[in-house]
């Protein structure tokens, strides 16, 4: 088990530190913030920095260092044990596809931010 005490990235008082223990082999998460980590893992994915990047979780997010790093790094400082696992963001411009009701691509375009 690895113990974490992750400080918030935000000064917002509603974002509290994440304090939990994690076993990478079993995916067990325990401790005061375990429920919050498990709830985030159940969402299927989480925003990455820089926005609007997104990380979709693997089939077992609590056994994945990258998934756990994405969960923690969304609103909290990453500890050294997870920092190397934070998912890389594709820096190339993205493209969007507009689909019709049958799922056929009817238009494409570059994402403009």
PDB file of N, CA and C in Angstrom:
ATOM      1  N   UNK A   1       0.845  -1.182   0.000  1.00  0.00           N
ATOM      2  CA  UNK A   1       0.000   0.000   0.000  1.00  0.00           C
ATOM      3  C   UNK A   1       0.888   1.242   0.000  1.00  0.00           C
ATOM      4  N   UNK A   2       0.490   2.214  -0.792  1.00  0.00           N
ATOM      5  CA  UNK A   2       1.169   3.504  -0.833  1.00  0.00           C
ATOM      6  C   UNK A   2       0.218   4.523  -0.218  1.00  0.00           C
ATOM      7  N   UNK A   3       0.711   5.336   0.700  1.00  0.00           N
ATOM      8  CA  UNK A   3      -0.112   6.366   1.340  1.00  0.00           C
ATOM      9  C   UNK A   3       0.072   7.694   0.616  1.00  0.00           C
ATOM     10  N   UNK A   4      -1.050   8.390   0.403  1.00  0.00           N
ATOM     11  CA  UNK A   4      -1.033   9.676  -0.274  1.00  0.00           C
ATOM     12  C   UNK A   4      -1.733  10.734   0.578  1.00  0.00           C
ATOM     13  N   UNK A   5      -1.195  11.943   0.537  1.00  0.00           N
ATOM     14  CA  UNK A   5      -1.834  13.114   1.132  1.00  0.00           C
ATOM     15  C   UNK A   5      -1.631  14.228   0.112  1.00  0.00           C
ATOM     16  N   UNK A   6      -2.614  14.399  -0.776  1.00  0.00           N
ATOM     17  CA  UNK A   6      -2.488  15.276  -1.940  1.00  0.00           C
ATOM     18  C   UNK A   6      -3.193  16.603  -1.692  1.00  0.00           C
ATOM     19  N   UNK A   7      -2.423  17.684  -1.765  1.00  0.00           N
ATOM     20  CA  UNK A   7      -2.958  19.029  -1.544  1.00  0.00           C
ATOM     21  C   UNK A   7      -3.755  19.480  -2.762  1.00  0.00           C
ATOM     22  N   UNK A   8      -4.808  20.271  -2.532  1.00  0.00           N
ATOM     23  CA  UNK A   8      -5.599  20.795  -3.650  1.00  0.00           C
ATOM     24  C   UNK A   8      -4.783  21.746  -4.524  1.00  0.00           C
ATOM     25  N   UNK A   9      -5.099  21.802  -5.813  1.00  0.00           N
ATOM     26  CA  UNK A   9      -4.510  22.781  -6.721  1.00  0.00           C
ATOM     27  C   UNK A   9      -5.207  24.127  -6.576  1.00  0.00           C
ATOM     28  N   UNK A  10      -6.410  24.100  -6.065  1.00  0.00           N
ATOM     29  CA  UNK A  10      -7.253  25.288  -5.946  1.00  0.00           C
ATOM     30  C   UNK A  10      -7.243  25.823  -4.522  1.00  0.00           C
ATOM     31  N   UNK A  11      -7.440  27.116  -4.411  1.00  0.00           N
ATOM     32  CA  UNK A  11      -7.594  27.736  -3.093  1.00  0.00           C
ATOM     33  C   UNK A  11      -9.045  27.664  -2.618  1.00  0.00           C
ATOM     34  N   UNK A  12      -9.908  27.085  -3.436  1.00  0.00           N
ATOM     35  CA  UNK A  12     -11.313  26.936  -3.075  1.00  0.00           C
ATOM     36  C   UNK A  12     -11.406  26.039  -1.840  1.00  0.00           C
ATOM     37  N   UNK A  13     -11.998  26.534  -0.757  1.00  0.00           N
ATOM     38  CA  UNK A  13     -12.052  25.737   0.473  1.00  0.00           C
ATOM     39  C   UNK A  13     -12.903  24.471   0.367  1.00  0.00           C
ATOM     40  N   UNK A  14     -13.734  24.374  -0.662  1.00  0.00           N
ATOM     41  CA  UNK A  14     -14.546  23.159  -0.810  1.00  0.00           C
ATOM     42  C   UNK A  14     -13.732  21.993  -1.385  1.00  0.00           C
ATOM     43  N   UNK A  15     -12.542  22.272  -1.942  1.00  0.00           N
ATOM     44  CA  UNK A  15     -11.665  21.226  -2.452  1.00  0.00           C
ATOM     45  C   UNK A  15     -10.688  20.875  -1.333  1.00  0.00           C
ATOM     46  N   UNK A  16     -10.944  19.745  -0.693  1.00  0.00           N
ATOM     47  CA  UNK A  16     -10.129  19.312   0.431  1.00  0.00           C
ATOM     48  C   UNK A  16      -9.008  18.390  -0.045  1.00  0.00           C
ATOM     49  N   UNK A  17      -7.959  18.220   0.749  1.00  0.00           N
ATOM     50  CA  UNK A  17      -6.894  17.291   0.375  1.00  0.00           C
ATOM     51  C   UNK A  17      -7.441  15.866   0.190  1.00  0.00           C
ATOM     52  N   UNK A  18      -6.776  15.119  -0.683  1.00  0.00           N
ATOM     53  CA  UNK A  18      -7.096  13.699  -0.843  1.00  0.00           C
ATOM     54  C   UNK A  18      -6.126  12.916   0.049  1.00  0.00           C
ATOM     55  N   UNK A  19      -6.667  12.175   0.978  1.00  0.00           N
ATOM     56  CA  UNK A  19      -5.861  11.371   1.896  1.00  0.00           C
ATOM     57  C   UNK A  19      -6.351   9.937   1.776  1.00  0.00           C
ATOM     58  N   UNK A  20      -5.480   9.068   1.222  1.00  0.00           N
ATOM     59  CA  UNK A  20      -5.894   7.679   1.007  1.00  0.00           C
ATOM     60  C   UNK A  20      -4.677   6.788   0.844  1.00  0.00           C
ATOM     61  N   UNK A  21      -4.904   5.485   0.912  1.00  0.00           N
ATOM     62  CA  UNK A  21      -3.882   4.479   0.645  1.00  0.00           C
ATOM     63  C   UNK A  21      -4.332   3.691  -0.583  1.00  0.00           C
ATOM     64  N   UNK A  22      -3.342   3.264  -1.388  1.00  0.00           N
ATOM     65  CA  UNK A  22      -3.655   2.567  -2.629  1.00  0.00           C
ATOM     66  C   UNK A  22      -2.755   1.362  -2.790  1.00  0.00           C
ATOM     67  N   UNK A  23      -3.358   0.236  -3.168  1.00  0.00           N
ATOM     68  CA  UNK A  23      -2.624  -0.980  -3.500  1.00  0.00           C
ATOM     69  C   UNK A  23      -2.779  -1.190  -5.005  1.00  0.00           C
ATOM     70  N   UNK A  24      -1.712  -0.984  -5.748  1.00  0.00           N
ATOM     71  CA  UNK A  24      -1.762  -1.067  -7.210  1.00  0.00           C
ATOM     72  C   UNK A  24      -2.086  -2.472  -7.714  1.00  0.00           C
ATOM     73  N   UNK A  25      -1.697  -3.489  -6.973  1.00  0.00           N
ATOM     74  CA  UNK A  25      -1.947  -4.863  -7.423  1.00  0.00           C
ATOM     75  C   UNK A  25      -3.411  -5.258  -7.314  1.00  0.00           C
ATOM     76  N   UNK A  26      -4.042  -4.884  -6.214  1.00  0.00           N
ATOM     77  CA  UNK A  26      -5.436  -5.271  -6.005  1.00  0.00           C
ATOM     78  C   UNK A  26      -6.423  -4.184  -6.383  1.00  0.00           C
ATOM     79  N   UNK A  27      -5.955  -2.942  -6.486  1.00  0.00           N
ATOM     80  CA  UNK A  27      -6.852  -1.820  -6.748  1.00  0.00           C
ATOM     81  C   UNK A  27      -7.573  -1.339  -5.503  1.00  0.00           C
ATOM     82  N   UNK A  28      -7.158  -1.825  -4.348  1.00  0.00           N
ATOM     83  CA  UNK A  28      -7.803  -1.417  -3.094  1.00  0.00           C
ATOM     84  C   UNK A  28      -7.442   0.028  -2.760  1.00  0.00           C
ATOM     85  N   UNK A  29      -8.451   0.792  -2.395  1.00  0.00           N
ATOM     86  CA  UNK A  29      -8.271   2.174  -1.957  1.00  0.00           C
ATOM     87  C   UNK A  29      -8.944   2.287  -0.602  1.00  0.00           C
ATOM     88  N   UNK A  30      -8.193   2.735   0.394  1.00  0.00           N
ATOM     89  CA  UNK A  30      -8.727   2.894   1.744  1.00  0.00           C
ATOM     90  C   UNK A  30      -8.341   4.267   2.275  1.00  0.00           C
ATOM     91  N   UNK A  31      -8.938   4.635   3.391  1.00  0.00           N
ATOM     92  CA  UNK A  31      -8.600   5.898   4.029  1.00  0.00           C
ATOM     93  C   UNK A  31      -9.708   6.919   3.921  1.00  0.00           C
ATOM     94  N   UNK A  32      -9.473   8.104   4.493  1.00  0.00           N
ATOM     95  CA  UNK A  32     -10.510   9.128   4.571  1.00  0.00           C
ATOM     96  C   UNK A  32     -11.097   9.566   3.228  1.00  0.00           C
ATOM     97  N   UNK A  33     -10.310   9.591   2.167  1.00  0.00           N
ATOM     98  CA  UNK A  33     -10.800  10.044   0.853  1.00  0.00           C
ATOM     99  C   UNK A  33     -11.082   8.897  -0.112  1.00  0.00           C
ATOM    100  N   UNK A  34     -11.089   7.667   0.391  1.00  0.00           N
ATOM    101  CA  UNK A  34     -11.283   6.499  -0.478  1.00  0.00           C
ATOM    102  C   UNK A  34     -12.588   6.580  -1.266  1.00  0.00           C
ATOM    103  N   UNK A  35     -13.664   6.976  -0.626  1.00  0.00           N
ATOM    104  CA  UNK A  35     -14.956   7.041  -1.320  1.00  0.00           C
ATOM    105  C   UNK A  35     -14.906   8.034  -2.476  1.00  0.00           C
ATOM    106  N   UNK A  36     -14.236   9.154  -2.287  1.00  0.00           N
ATOM    107  CA  UNK A  36     -14.124  10.165  -3.337  1.00  0.00           C
ATOM    108  C   UNK A  36     -13.316   9.619  -4.524  1.00  0.00           C
ATOM    109  N   UNK A  37     -12.234   8.924  -4.249  1.00  0.00           N
ATOM    110  CA  UNK A  37     -11.403   8.341  -5.314  1.00  0.00           C
ATOM    111  C   UNK A  37     -12.197   7.276  -6.070  1.00  0.00           C
ATOM    112  N   UNK A  38     -12.895   6.415  -5.340  1.00  0.00           N
ATOM    113  CA  UNK A  38     -13.692   5.356  -5.975  1.00  0.00           C
ATOM    114  C   UNK A  38     -14.818   5.946  -6.820  1.00  0.00           C
ATOM    115  N   UNK A  39     -15.443   6.998  -6.327  1.00  0.00           N
ATOM    116  CA  UNK A  39     -16.522   7.654  -7.081  1.00  0.00           C
ATOM    117  C   UNK A  39     -15.980   8.232  -8.383  1.00  0.00           C
ATOM    118  N   UNK A  40     -14.822   8.876  -8.321  1.00  0.00           N
ATOM    119  CA  UNK A  40     -14.216   9.435  -9.535  1.00  0.00           C
ATOM    120  C   UNK A  40     -13.860   8.324 -10.517  1.00  0.00           C
ATOM    121  N   UNK A  41     -13.360   7.189 -10.014  1.00  0.00           N
ATOM    122  CA  UNK A  41     -12.990   6.062 -10.874  1.00  0.00           C
ATOM    123  C   UNK A  41     -14.208   5.464 -11.574  1.00  0.00           C
ATOM    124  N   UNK A  42     -15.355   5.573 -10.968  1.00  0.00           N
ATOM    125  CA  UNK A  42     -16.585   5.023 -11.544  1.00  0.00           C
ATOM    126  C   UNK A  42     -17.150   5.898 -12.664  1.00  0.00           C
ATOM    127  N   UNK A  43     -16.620   7.116 -12.829  1.00  0.00           N
ATOM    128  CA  UNK A  43     -17.152   8.040 -13.825  1.00  0.00           C
ATOM    129  C   UNK A  43     -16.745   7.723 -15.256  1.00  0.00           C
ATOM    130  N   UNK A  44     -15.743   6.875 -15.452  1.00  0.00           N
ATOM    131  CA  UNK A  44     -15.338   6.506 -16.805  1.00  0.00           C
ATOM    132  C   UNK A  44     -14.221   7.348 -17.381  1.00  0.00           C
ATOM    133  N   UNK A  45     -13.961   8.504 -16.790  1.00  0.00           N
ATOM    134  CA  UNK A  45     -12.889   9.368 -17.276  1.00  0.00           C
ATOM    135  C   UNK A  45     -12.870  10.664 -16.503  1.00  0.00           C
ATOM    136  N   UNK A  46     -11.868  11.491 -16.804  1.00  0.00           N
ATOM    137  CA  UNK A  46     -11.682  12.735 -16.069  1.00  0.00           C
ATOM    138  C   UNK A  46     -10.959  13.747 -16.960  1.00  0.00           C
ATOM    139  N   UNK A  47     -11.227  15.043 -16.773  1.00  0.00           N
ATOM    140  CA  UNK A  47     -10.478  16.056 -17.531  1.00  0.00           C
ATOM    141  C   UNK A  47      -8.998  16.030 -17.175  1.00  0.00           C
ATOM    142  N   UNK A  48      -8.166  16.367 -18.154  1.00  0.00           N
ATOM    143  CA  UNK A  48      -6.724  16.480 -17.951  1.00  0.00           C
ATOM    144  C   UNK A  48      -6.306  17.927 -18.137  1.00  0.00           C
ATOM    145  N   UNK A  49      -5.114  18.224 -17.673  1.00  0.00           N
ATOM    146  CA  UNK A  49      -4.518  19.541 -17.897  1.00  0.00           C
ATOM    147  C   UNK A  49      -3.556  19.420 -19.059  1.00  0.00           C
ATOM    148  N   UNK A  50      -3.543  20.316 -20.014  1.00  0.00           N
ATOM    149  CA  UNK A  50      -4.391  21.494 -20.095  1.00  0.00           C
ATOM    150  C   UNK A  50      -5.762  21.161 -20.681  1.00  0.00           C
ATOM    151  N   UNK A  51      -6.770  21.887 -20.210  1.00  0.00           N
ATOM    152  CA  UNK A  51      -8.134  21.722 -20.708  1.00  0.00           C
ATOM    153  C   UNK A  51      -8.148  22.092 -22.183  1.00  0.00           C
ATOM    154  N   UNK A  52      -8.959  21.491 -22.979  1.00  0.00           N
ATOM    155  CA  UNK A  52     -10.073  20.607 -22.679  1.00  0.00           C
ATOM    156  C   UNK A  52      -9.735  19.127 -22.845  1.00  0.00           C
ATOM    157  N   UNK A  53      -8.508  18.744 -22.576  1.00  0.00           N
ATOM    158  CA  UNK A  53      -8.115  17.346 -22.734  1.00  0.00           C
ATOM    159  C   UNK A  53      -8.938  16.445 -21.817  1.00  0.00           C
ATOM    160  N   UNK A  54      -9.038  15.182 -22.206  1.00  0.00           N
ATOM    161  CA  UNK A  54      -9.848  14.207 -21.472  1.00  0.00           C
ATOM    162  C   UNK A  54      -9.108  12.876 -21.437  1.00  0.00           C
ATOM    163  N   UNK A  55      -9.214  12.183 -20.308  1.00  0.00           N
ATOM    164  CA  UNK A  55      -8.620  10.852 -20.171  1.00  0.00           C
ATOM    165  C   UNK A  55      -9.729   9.853 -19.897  1.00  0.00           C
ATOM    166  N   UNK A  56      -9.869   8.861 -20.765  1.00  0.00           N
ATOM    167  CA  UNK A  56     -10.836   7.785 -20.565  1.00  0.00           C
ATOM    168  C   UNK A  56     -10.144   6.666 -19.796  1.00  0.00           C
ATOM    169  N   UNK A  57     -10.796   6.183 -18.746  1.00  0.00           N
ATOM    170  CA  UNK A  57     -10.208   5.161 -17.893  1.00  0.00           C
ATOM    171  C   UNK A  57     -10.164   3.794 -18.568  1.00  0.00           C
ATOM    172  N   UNK A  58      -9.230   2.980 -18.095  1.00  0.00           N
ATOM    173  CA  UNK A  58      -9.132   1.588 -18.521  1.00  0.00           C
ATOM    174  C   UNK A  58     -10.266   0.794 -17.867  1.00  0.00           C
ATOM    175  N   UNK A  59     -10.305  -0.498 -18.136  1.00  0.00           N
ATOM    176  CA  UNK A  59     -11.351  -1.355 -17.565  1.00  0.00           C
ATOM    177  C   UNK A  59     -11.262  -1.423 -16.040  1.00  0.00           C
ATOM    178  N   UNK A  60     -10.064  -1.275 -15.492  1.00  0.00           N
ATOM    179  CA  UNK A  60      -9.875  -1.331 -14.042  1.00  0.00           C
ATOM    180  C   UNK A  60      -9.071  -0.110 -13.596  1.00  0.00           C
ATOM    181  N   UNK A  61      -9.720   1.040 -13.501  1.00  0.00           N
ATOM    182  CA  UNK A  61      -8.998   2.284 -13.220  1.00  0.00           C
ATOM    183  C   UNK A  61      -8.254   2.311 -11.887  1.00  0.00           C
ATOM    184  N   UNK A  62      -8.706   1.565 -10.903  1.00  0.00           N
ATOM    185  CA  UNK A  62      -8.018   1.589  -9.612  1.00  0.00           C
ATOM    186  C   UNK A  62      -6.797   0.667  -9.579  1.00  0.00           C
ATOM    187  N   UNK A  63      -6.533  -0.030 -10.679  1.00  0.00           N
ATOM    188  CA  UNK A  63      -5.315  -0.825 -10.807  1.00  0.00           C
ATOM    189  C   UNK A  63      -4.332  -0.164 -11.774  1.00  0.00           C
ATOM    190  N   UNK A  64      -4.695   0.978 -12.294  1.00  0.00           N
ATOM    191  CA  UNK A  64      -3.888   1.674 -13.293  1.00  0.00           C
ATOM    192  C   UNK A  64      -3.255   2.931 -12.698  1.00  0.00           C
ATOM    193  N   UNK A  65      -1.930   3.009 -12.775  1.00  0.00           N
ATOM    194  CA  UNK A  65      -1.221   4.202 -12.287  1.00  0.00           C
ATOM    195  C   UNK A  65      -1.633   5.431 -13.090  1.00  0.00           C
ATOM    196  N   UNK A  66      -1.795   5.294 -14.404  1.00  0.00           N
ATOM    197  CA  UNK A  66      -2.195   6.429 -15.238  1.00  0.00           C
ATOM    198  C   UNK A  66      -3.593   6.912 -14.868  1.00  0.00           C
ATOM    199  N   UNK A  67      -4.520   5.993 -14.671  1.00  0.00           N
ATOM    200  CA  UNK A  67      -5.883   6.386 -14.312  1.00  0.00           C
ATOM    201  C   UNK A  67      -5.911   7.057 -12.950  1.00  0.00           C
ATOM    202  N   UNK A  68      -5.196   6.493 -11.972  1.00  0.00           N
ATOM    203  CA  UNK A  68      -5.173   7.091 -10.640  1.00  0.00           C
ATOM    204  C   UNK A  68      -4.503   8.459 -10.683  1.00  0.00           C
ATOM    205  N   UNK A  69      -3.428   8.596 -11.469  1.00  0.00           N
ATOM    206  CA  UNK A  69      -2.769   9.896 -11.607  1.00  0.00           C
ATOM    207  C   UNK A  69      -3.721  10.922 -12.214  1.00  0.00           C
ATOM    208  N   UNK A  70      -4.518  10.509 -13.190  1.00  0.00           N
ATOM    209  CA  UNK A  70      -5.483  11.428 -13.796  1.00  0.00           C
ATOM    210  C   UNK A  70      -6.550  11.834 -12.791  1.00  0.00           C
ATOM    211  N   UNK A  71      -7.021  10.895 -11.982  1.00  0.00           N
ATOM    212  CA  UNK A  71      -8.025  11.203 -10.961  1.00  0.00           C
ATOM    213  C   UNK A  71      -7.470  12.215  -9.967  1.00  0.00           C
ATOM    214  N   UNK A  72      -6.301  11.938  -9.438  1.00  0.00           N
ATOM    215  CA  UNK A  72      -5.697  12.830  -8.441  1.00  0.00           C
ATOM    216  C   UNK A  72      -5.331  14.166  -9.070  1.00  0.00           C
ATOM    217  N   UNK A  73      -4.700  14.139 -10.238  1.00  0.00           N
ATOM    218  CA  UNK A  73      -4.204  15.352 -10.874  1.00  0.00           C
ATOM    219  C   UNK A  73      -5.265  16.290 -11.390  1.00  0.00           C
ATOM    220  N   UNK A  74      -6.496  15.852 -11.443  1.00  0.00           N
ATOM    221  CA  UNK A  74      -7.572  16.731 -11.898  1.00  0.00           C
ATOM    222  C   UNK A  74      -7.721  17.937 -10.974  1.00  0.00           C
ATOM    223  N   UNK A  75      -7.741  17.720  -9.670  1.00  0.00           N
ATOM    224  CA  UNK A  75      -7.941  18.814  -8.721  1.00  0.00           C
ATOM    225  C   UNK A  75      -6.862  18.910  -7.644  1.00  0.00           C
ATOM    226  N   UNK A  76      -5.869  17.999  -7.694  1.00  0.00           N
ATOM    227  CA  UNK A  76      -4.883  17.942  -6.618  1.00  0.00           C
ATOM    228  C   UNK A  76      -3.454  17.837  -7.157  1.00  0.00           C
ATOM    229  N   UNK A  77      -2.498  18.227  -6.320  1.00  0.00           N
ATOM    230  CA  UNK A  77      -1.087  18.101  -6.669  1.00  0.00           C
ATOM    231  C   UNK A  77      -0.715  16.627  -6.708  1.00  0.00           C
ATOM    232  N   UNK A  78       0.006  16.243  -7.731  1.00  0.00           N
ATOM    233  CA  UNK A  78       0.405  14.843  -7.872  1.00  0.00           C
ATOM    234  C   UNK A  78       1.635  14.551  -7.016  1.00  0.00           C
ATOM    235  N   UNK A  79       1.567  13.497  -6.230  1.00  0.00           N
ATOM    236  CA  UNK A  79       2.766  13.079  -5.498  1.00  0.00           C
ATOM    237  C   UNK A  79       3.751  12.439  -6.469  1.00  0.00           C
ATOM    238  N   UNK A  80       5.018  12.375  -6.087  1.00  0.00           N
ATOM    239  CA  UNK A  80       6.056  11.813  -6.939  1.00  0.00           C
ATOM    240  C   UNK A  80       5.746  10.413  -7.428  1.00  0.00           C
ATOM    241  N   UNK A  81       5.083   9.610  -6.595  1.00  0.00           N
ATOM    242  CA  UNK A  81       4.772   8.226  -6.972  1.00  0.00           C
ATOM    243  C   UNK A  81       3.793   8.143  -8.143  1.00  0.00           C
ATOM    244  N   UNK A  82       3.039   9.208  -8.388  1.00  0.00           N
ATOM    245  CA  UNK A  82       2.063   9.196  -9.477  1.00  0.00           C
ATOM    246  C   UNK A  82       2.423  10.128 -10.627  1.00  0.00           C
ATOM    247  N   UNK A  83       3.311  11.076 -10.382  1.00  0.00           N
ATOM    248  CA  UNK A  83       3.599  12.110 -11.381  1.00  0.00           C
ATOM    249  C   UNK A  83       4.030  11.517 -12.725  1.00  0.00           C
ATOM    250  N   UNK A  84       4.852  10.495 -12.712  1.00  0.00           N
ATOM    251  CA  UNK A  84       5.301   9.879 -13.959  1.00  0.00           C
ATOM    252  C   UNK A  84       4.213   9.122 -14.693  1.00  0.00           C
ATOM    253  N   UNK A  85       3.124   8.832 -14.012  1.00  0.00           N
ATOM    254  CA  UNK A  85       2.026   8.104 -14.633  1.00  0.00           C
ATOM    255  C   UNK A  85       0.955   8.991 -15.234  1.00  0.00           C
ATOM    256  N   UNK A  86       1.072  10.314 -15.033  1.00  0.00           N
ATOM    257  CA  UNK A  86       0.035  11.218 -15.546  1.00  0.00           C
ATOM    258  C   UNK A  86      -0.026  11.110 -17.066  1.00  0.00           C
ATOM    259  N   UNK A  87      -1.227  10.899 -17.613  1.00  0.00           N
ATOM    260  CA  UNK A  87      -1.362  10.698 -19.066  1.00  0.00           C
ATOM    261  C   UNK A  87      -0.861  11.898 -19.872  1.00  0.00           C
ATOM    262  N   UNK A  88      -0.175  11.607 -20.958  1.00  0.00           N
ATOM    263  CA  UNK A  88       0.313  12.656 -21.852  1.00  0.00           C
ATOM    264  C   UNK A  88      -0.855  13.202 -22.663  1.00  0.00           C
ATOM    265  N   UNK A  89      -0.798  14.483 -22.928  1.00  0.00           N
ATOM    266  CA  UNK A  89      -1.838  15.140 -23.717  1.00  0.00           C
ATOM    267  C   UNK A  89      -1.299  15.357 -25.120  1.00  0.00           C
ATOM    268  N   UNK A  90      -2.101  14.975 -26.109  1.00  0.00           N
ATOM    269  CA  UNK A  90      -1.745  15.177 -27.506  1.00  0.00           C
ATOM    270  C   UNK A  90      -1.803  16.672 -27.791  1.00  0.00           C
ATOM    271  N   UNK A  91      -0.663  17.241 -28.150  1.00  0.00           N
ATOM    272  CA  UNK A  91      -0.576  18.684 -28.377  1.00  0.00           C
ATOM    273  C   UNK A  91      -1.039  19.114 -29.766  1.00  0.00           C
ATOM    274  N   UNK A  92      -1.289  18.163 -30.650  1.00  0.00           N
ATOM    275  CA  UNK A  92      -1.719  18.521 -31.993  1.00  0.00           C
ATOM    276  C   UNK A  92      -3.169  18.991 -31.968  1.00  0.00           C
ATOM    277  N   UNK A  93      -3.521  19.894 -32.880  1.00  0.00           N
ATOM    278  CA  UNK A  93      -4.907  20.351 -32.916  1.00  0.00           C
ATOM    279  C   UNK A  93      -5.856  19.182 -33.149  1.00  0.00           C
ATOM    280  N   UNK A  94      -6.977  19.223 -32.495  1.00  0.00           N
ATOM    281  CA  UNK A  94      -7.955  18.167 -32.645  1.00  0.00           C
ATOM    282  C   UNK A  94      -8.935  18.447 -33.766  1.00  0.00           C
ATOM    283  N   UNK A  95      -9.613  17.416 -34.159  1.00  0.00           N
ATOM    284  CA  UNK A  95     -10.638  17.542 -35.187  1.00  0.00           C
ATOM    285  C   UNK A  95     -11.936  16.992 -34.622  1.00  0.00           C
ATOM    286  N   UNK A  96     -13.027  17.587 -35.037  1.00  0.00           N
ATOM    287  CA  UNK A  96     -14.339  17.109 -34.624  1.00  0.00           C
ATOM    288  C   UNK A  96     -15.073  16.597 -35.851  1.00  0.00           C
ATOM    289  N   UNK A  97     -15.929  15.629 -35.611  1.00  0.00           N
ATOM    290  CA  UNK A  97     -16.787  15.109 -36.667  1.00  0.00           C
ATOM    291  C   UNK A  97     -18.233  15.311 -36.256  1.00  0.00           C
ATOM    292  N   UNK A  98     -19.038  15.809 -37.178  1.00  0.00           N
ATOM    293  CA  UNK A  98     -20.466  15.963 -36.947  1.00  0.00           C
ATOM    294  C   UNK A  98     -21.142  14.771 -37.599  1.00  0.00           C
ATOM    295  N   UNK A  99     -21.945  14.054 -36.794  1.00  0.00           N
ATOM    296  CA  UNK A  99     -22.608  12.852 -37.283  1.00  0.00           C
ATOM    297  C   UNK A  99     -24.093  13.107 -37.478  1.00  0.00           C
ATOM    298  N   UNK A 100     -24.683  12.412 -38.445  1.00  0.00           N
ATOM    299  CA  UNK A 100     -26.130  12.488 -38.601  1.00  0.00           C
ATOM    300  C   UNK A 100     -26.787  11.438 -37.701  1.00  0.00           C
ATOM    301  N   UNK A 101     -28.094  11.310 -37.775  1.00  0.00           N
ATOM    302  CA  UNK A 101     -28.836  10.397 -36.900  1.00  0.00           C
ATOM    303  C   UNK A 101     -28.435   8.935 -37.097  1.00  0.00           C
ATOM    304  N   UNK A 102     -27.895   8.587 -38.269  1.00  0.00           N
ATOM    305  CA  UNK A 102     -27.467   7.216 -38.528  1.00  0.00           C
ATOM    306  C   UNK A 102     -25.997   6.992 -38.195  1.00  0.00           C
ATOM    307  N   UNK A 103     -25.335   8.011 -37.681  1.00  0.00           N
ATOM    308  CA  UNK A 103     -23.934   7.874 -37.313  1.00  0.00           C
ATOM    309  C   UNK A 103     -22.952   8.112 -38.440  1.00  0.00           C
ATOM    310  N   UNK A 104     -23.423   8.661 -39.576  1.00  0.00           N
ATOM    311  CA  UNK A 104     -22.529   8.963 -40.695  1.00  0.00           C
ATOM    312  C   UNK A 104     -21.917  10.347 -40.500  1.00  0.00           C
ATOM    313  N   UNK A 105     -20.648  10.490 -40.872  1.00  0.00           N
ATOM    314  CA  UNK A 105     -19.970  11.783 -40.775  1.00  0.00           C
ATOM    315  C   UNK A 105     -20.518  12.702 -41.846  1.00  0.00           C
ATOM    316  N   UNK A 106     -21.034  13.855 -41.431  1.00  0.00           N
ATOM    317  CA  UNK A 106     -21.580  14.813 -42.390  1.00  0.00           C
ATOM    318  C   UNK A 106     -20.713  16.068 -42.493  1.00  0.00           C
ATOM    319  N   UNK A 107     -19.816  16.278 -41.512  1.00  0.00           N
ATOM    320  CA  UNK A 107     -18.922  17.420 -41.556  1.00  0.00           C
ATOM    321  C   UNK A 107     -17.742  17.165 -40.624  1.00  0.00           C
ATOM    322  N   UNK A 108     -16.610  17.759 -40.951  1.00  0.00           N
ATOM    323  CA  UNK A 108     -15.436  17.697 -40.087  1.00  0.00           C
ATOM    324  C   UNK A 108     -14.855  19.094 -39.985  1.00  0.00           C
ATOM    325  N   UNK A 109     -14.120  19.305 -38.937  1.00  0.00           N
ATOM    326  CA  UNK A 109     -13.486  20.607 -38.770  1.00  0.00           C
ATOM    327  C   UNK A 109     -12.444  20.566 -37.688  1.00  0.00           C
ATOM    328  N   UNK A 110     -11.531  21.524 -37.729  1.00  0.00           N
ATOM    329  CA  UNK A 110     -10.487  21.626 -36.718  1.00  0.00           C
ATOM    330  C   UNK A 110     -11.060  22.306 -35.489  1.00  0.00           C
ATOM    331  N   UNK A 111     -10.677  21.816 -34.324  1.00  0.00           N
ATOM    332  CA  UNK A 111     -11.132  22.418 -33.079  1.00  0.00           C
ATOM    333  C   UNK A 111     -10.431  23.760 -32.933  1.00  0.00           C
ATOM    334  N   UNK A 112     -11.187  24.811 -32.689  1.00  0.00           N
ATOM    335  CA  UNK A 112     -10.647  26.158 -32.551  1.00  0.00           C
ATOM    336  C   UNK A 112     -10.945  26.662 -31.155  1.00  0.00           C
ATOM    337  N   UNK A 113      -9.896  26.941 -30.390  1.00  0.00           N
ATOM    338  CA  UNK A 113     -10.076  27.418 -29.011  1.00  0.00           C
ATOM    339  C   UNK A 113      -9.667  28.858 -28.886  1.00  0.00           C
TER     340      UNK A 113
END
